[in-house]
Amino acid sequence: MIGMTAGEAKKPARDIPRAVKLVFYRIAVVYVGSLFFLSLVIAWDDPRMLSGSSKTARSPFVLAFTNVGYAQAGNVLNAIIVRKNAARSC
């Protein structure tokens, strides 16, 4: 991907290192930002995440949407995850 981008850039010597550095920051913002907002919405000891009677945990993102009042958004998120996993297994 970097090679293709370098072939299309006007100044690859300047643009490619800048793009590689920005990818790190974008990933950090997405992951750290999502963890920050999840920690604001869900308590660390929320019993809905993992119960003793079940071996499966609920997704923190679904719990966050439910806590905020958008329960249907959690269903959409689960549908996207199931679709991606189904596509990988084929």
C-alpha atoms as a PDB file:
ATOM      1  CA  MET A   1       0.000   0.000   0.000  1.00  0.00           C
ATOM      2  CA  ILE A   2       2.812   2.392   0.798  1.00  0.00           C
ATOM      3  CA  GLY A   3       4.435   1.664  -2.559  1.00  0.00           C
ATOM      4  CA  MET A   4       1.220   2.379  -4.430  1.00  0.00           C
ATOM      5  CA  THR A   5       0.750   5.580  -2.480  1.00  0.00           C
ATOM      6  CA  ALA A   6       4.315   6.638  -3.220  1.00  0.00           C
ATOM      7  CA  GLY A   7       3.697   6.120  -6.921  1.00  0.00           C
ATOM      8  CA  GLU A   8       0.670   8.421  -6.825  1.00  0.00           C
ATOM      9  CA  ALA A   9       2.094  11.152  -4.572  1.00  0.00           C
ATOM     10  CA  LYS A  10       3.524  14.351  -5.999  1.00  0.00           C
ATOM     11  CA  LYS A  11       6.343  14.497  -3.442  1.00  0.00           C
ATOM     12  CA  PRO A  12       6.721  10.972  -2.024  1.00  0.00           C
ATOM     13  CA  ALA A  13       9.897  11.744  -0.061  1.00  0.00           C
ATOM     14  CA  ARG A  14       7.949  14.248   2.006  1.00  0.00           C
ATOM     15  CA  ASP A  15       4.433  12.792   1.962  1.00  0.00           C
ATOM     16  CA  ILE A  16       5.042   9.108   2.784  1.00  0.00           C
ATOM     17  CA  PRO A  17       6.904   9.598   6.100  1.00  0.00           C
ATOM     18  CA  ARG A  18       4.267  12.119   7.150  1.00  0.00           C
ATOM     19  CA  ALA A  19       1.453   9.688   6.299  1.00  0.00           C
ATOM     20  CA  VAL A  20       3.115   6.822   8.188  1.00  0.00           C
ATOM     21  CA  LYS A  21       3.448   8.991  11.308  1.00  0.00           C
ATOM     22  CA  LEU A  22      -0.162  10.128  11.041  1.00  0.00           C
ATOM     23  CA  VAL A  23      -1.400   6.524  10.868  1.00  0.00           C
ATOM     24  CA  PHE A  24       0.082   5.864  14.312  1.00  0.00           C
ATOM     25  CA  TYR A  25      -1.617   8.934  15.768  1.00  0.00           C
ATOM     26  CA  ARG A  26      -4.953   8.114  14.148  1.00  0.00           C
ATOM     27  CA  ILE A  27      -4.910   4.585  15.526  1.00  0.00           C
ATOM     28  CA  ALA A  28      -3.958   5.865  18.971  1.00  0.00           C
ATOM     29  CA  VAL A  29      -6.779   8.413  18.927  1.00  0.00           C
ATOM     30  CA  VAL A  30      -9.362   5.840  17.841  1.00  0.00           C
ATOM     31  CA  TYR A  31      -8.394   3.181  20.389  1.00  0.00           C
ATOM     32  CA  VAL A  32      -7.545   5.436  23.320  1.00  0.00           C
ATOM     33  CA  GLY A  33     -10.493   7.699  22.567  1.00  0.00           C
ATOM     34  CA  SER A  34     -12.942   4.815  22.457  1.00  0.00           C
ATOM     35  CA  LEU A  35     -11.574   3.419  25.731  1.00  0.00           C
ATOM     36  CA  PHE A  36     -11.880   6.851  27.324  1.00  0.00           C
ATOM     37  CA  PHE A  37     -15.516   7.265  26.316  1.00  0.00           C
ATOM     38  CA  LEU A  38     -16.358   3.695  27.308  1.00  0.00           C
ATOM     39  CA  SER A  39     -14.880   4.316  30.736  1.00  0.00           C
ATOM     40  CA  LEU A  40     -17.083   7.399  31.095  1.00  0.00           C
ATOM     41  CA  VAL A  41     -20.266   5.482  30.294  1.00  0.00           C
ATOM     42  CA  ILE A  42     -19.684   2.024  31.835  1.00  0.00           C
ATOM     43  CA  ALA A  43     -18.522   1.202  35.355  1.00  0.00           C
ATOM     44  CA  TRP A  44     -15.550  -1.117  35.606  1.00  0.00           C
ATOM     45  CA  ASP A  45     -17.532  -3.590  37.732  1.00  0.00           C
ATOM     46  CA  ASP A  46     -20.756  -3.554  35.708  1.00  0.00           C
ATOM     47  CA  PRO A  47     -22.386  -6.956  36.308  1.00  0.00           C
ATOM     48  CA  ARG A  48     -23.780  -7.066  32.768  1.00  0.00           C
ATOM     49  CA  MET A  49     -20.322  -7.468  31.243  1.00  0.00           C
ATOM     50  CA  LEU A  50     -19.752 -10.965  32.596  1.00  0.00           C
ATOM     51  CA  SER A  51     -22.036 -12.896  34.888  1.00  0.00           C
ATOM     52  CA  GLY A  52     -21.298 -16.049  36.838  1.00  0.00           C
ATOM     53  CA  SER A  53     -24.119 -17.930  35.133  1.00  0.00           C
ATOM     54  CA  SER A  54     -22.846 -17.255  31.615  1.00  0.00           C
ATOM     55  CA  LYS A  55     -19.546 -17.962  29.920  1.00  0.00           C
ATOM     56  CA  THR A  56     -19.977 -15.093  27.472  1.00  0.00           C
ATOM     57  CA  ALA A  57     -19.532 -11.412  28.103  1.00  0.00           C
ATOM     58  CA  ARG A  58     -21.545  -8.579  26.615  1.00  0.00           C
ATOM     59  CA  SER A  59     -19.757  -6.102  24.422  1.00  0.00           C
ATOM     60  CA  PRO A  60     -18.782  -2.891  26.215  1.00  0.00           C
ATOM     61  CA  PHE A  61     -19.792  -0.920  23.129  1.00  0.00           C
ATOM     62  CA  VAL A  62     -23.287  -2.433  23.179  1.00  0.00           C
ATOM     63  CA  LEU A  63     -23.560  -1.674  26.900  1.00  0.00           C
ATOM     64  CA  ALA A  64     -22.455   1.903  26.270  1.00  0.00           C
ATOM     65  CA  PHE A  65     -25.117   2.398  23.593  1.00  0.00           C
ATOM     66  CA  THR A  66     -27.720   0.854  25.895  1.00  0.00           C
ATOM     67  CA  ASN A  67     -26.703   3.103  28.812  1.00  0.00           C
ATOM     68  CA  VAL A  68     -26.894   6.181  26.628  1.00  0.00           C
ATOM     69  CA  GLY A  69     -30.331   5.200  25.332  1.00  0.00           C
ATOM     70  CA  TYR A  70     -29.522   3.928  21.847  1.00  0.00           C
ATOM     71  CA  ALA A  71     -30.129   0.196  22.297  1.00  0.00           C
ATOM     72  CA  GLN A  72     -30.773  -0.254  18.568  1.00  0.00           C
ATOM     73  CA  ALA A  73     -27.293   1.076  17.786  1.00  0.00           C
ATOM     74  CA  GLY A  74     -25.904  -1.845  19.776  1.00  0.00           C
ATOM     75  CA  ASN A  75     -27.874  -4.244  17.596  1.00  0.00           C
ATOM     76  CA  VAL A  76     -26.486  -2.590  14.470  1.00  0.00           C
ATOM     77  CA  LEU A  77     -22.958  -2.885  15.869  1.00  0.00           C
ATOM     78  CA  ASN A  78     -23.487  -6.595  16.578  1.00  0.00           C
ATOM     79  CA  ALA A  79     -24.814  -7.118  13.043  1.00  0.00           C
ATOM     80  CA  ILE A  80     -21.696  -5.486  11.577  1.00  0.00           C
ATOM     81  CA  ILE A  81     -19.402  -7.645  13.700  1.00  0.00           C
ATOM     82  CA  VAL A  82     -21.269 -10.849  12.803  1.00  0.00           C
ATOM     83  CA  ARG A  83     -21.206  -9.952   9.111  1.00  0.00           C
ATOM     84  CA  LYS A  84     -17.439  -9.300   9.156  1.00  0.00           C
ATOM     85  CA  ASN A  85     -16.745 -12.566  11.003  1.00  0.00           C
ATOM     86  CA  ALA A  86     -18.984 -14.500   8.607  1.00  0.00           C
ATOM     87  CA  ALA A  87     -17.129 -13.021   5.619  1.00  0.00           C
ATOM     88  CA  ARG A  88     -13.753 -14.050   7.062  1.00  0.00           C
ATOM     89  CA  SER A  89     -14.789 -17.661   7.644  1.00  0.00           C
ATOM     90  CA  CYS A  90     -15.818 -18.200   4.009  1.00  0.00           C
END
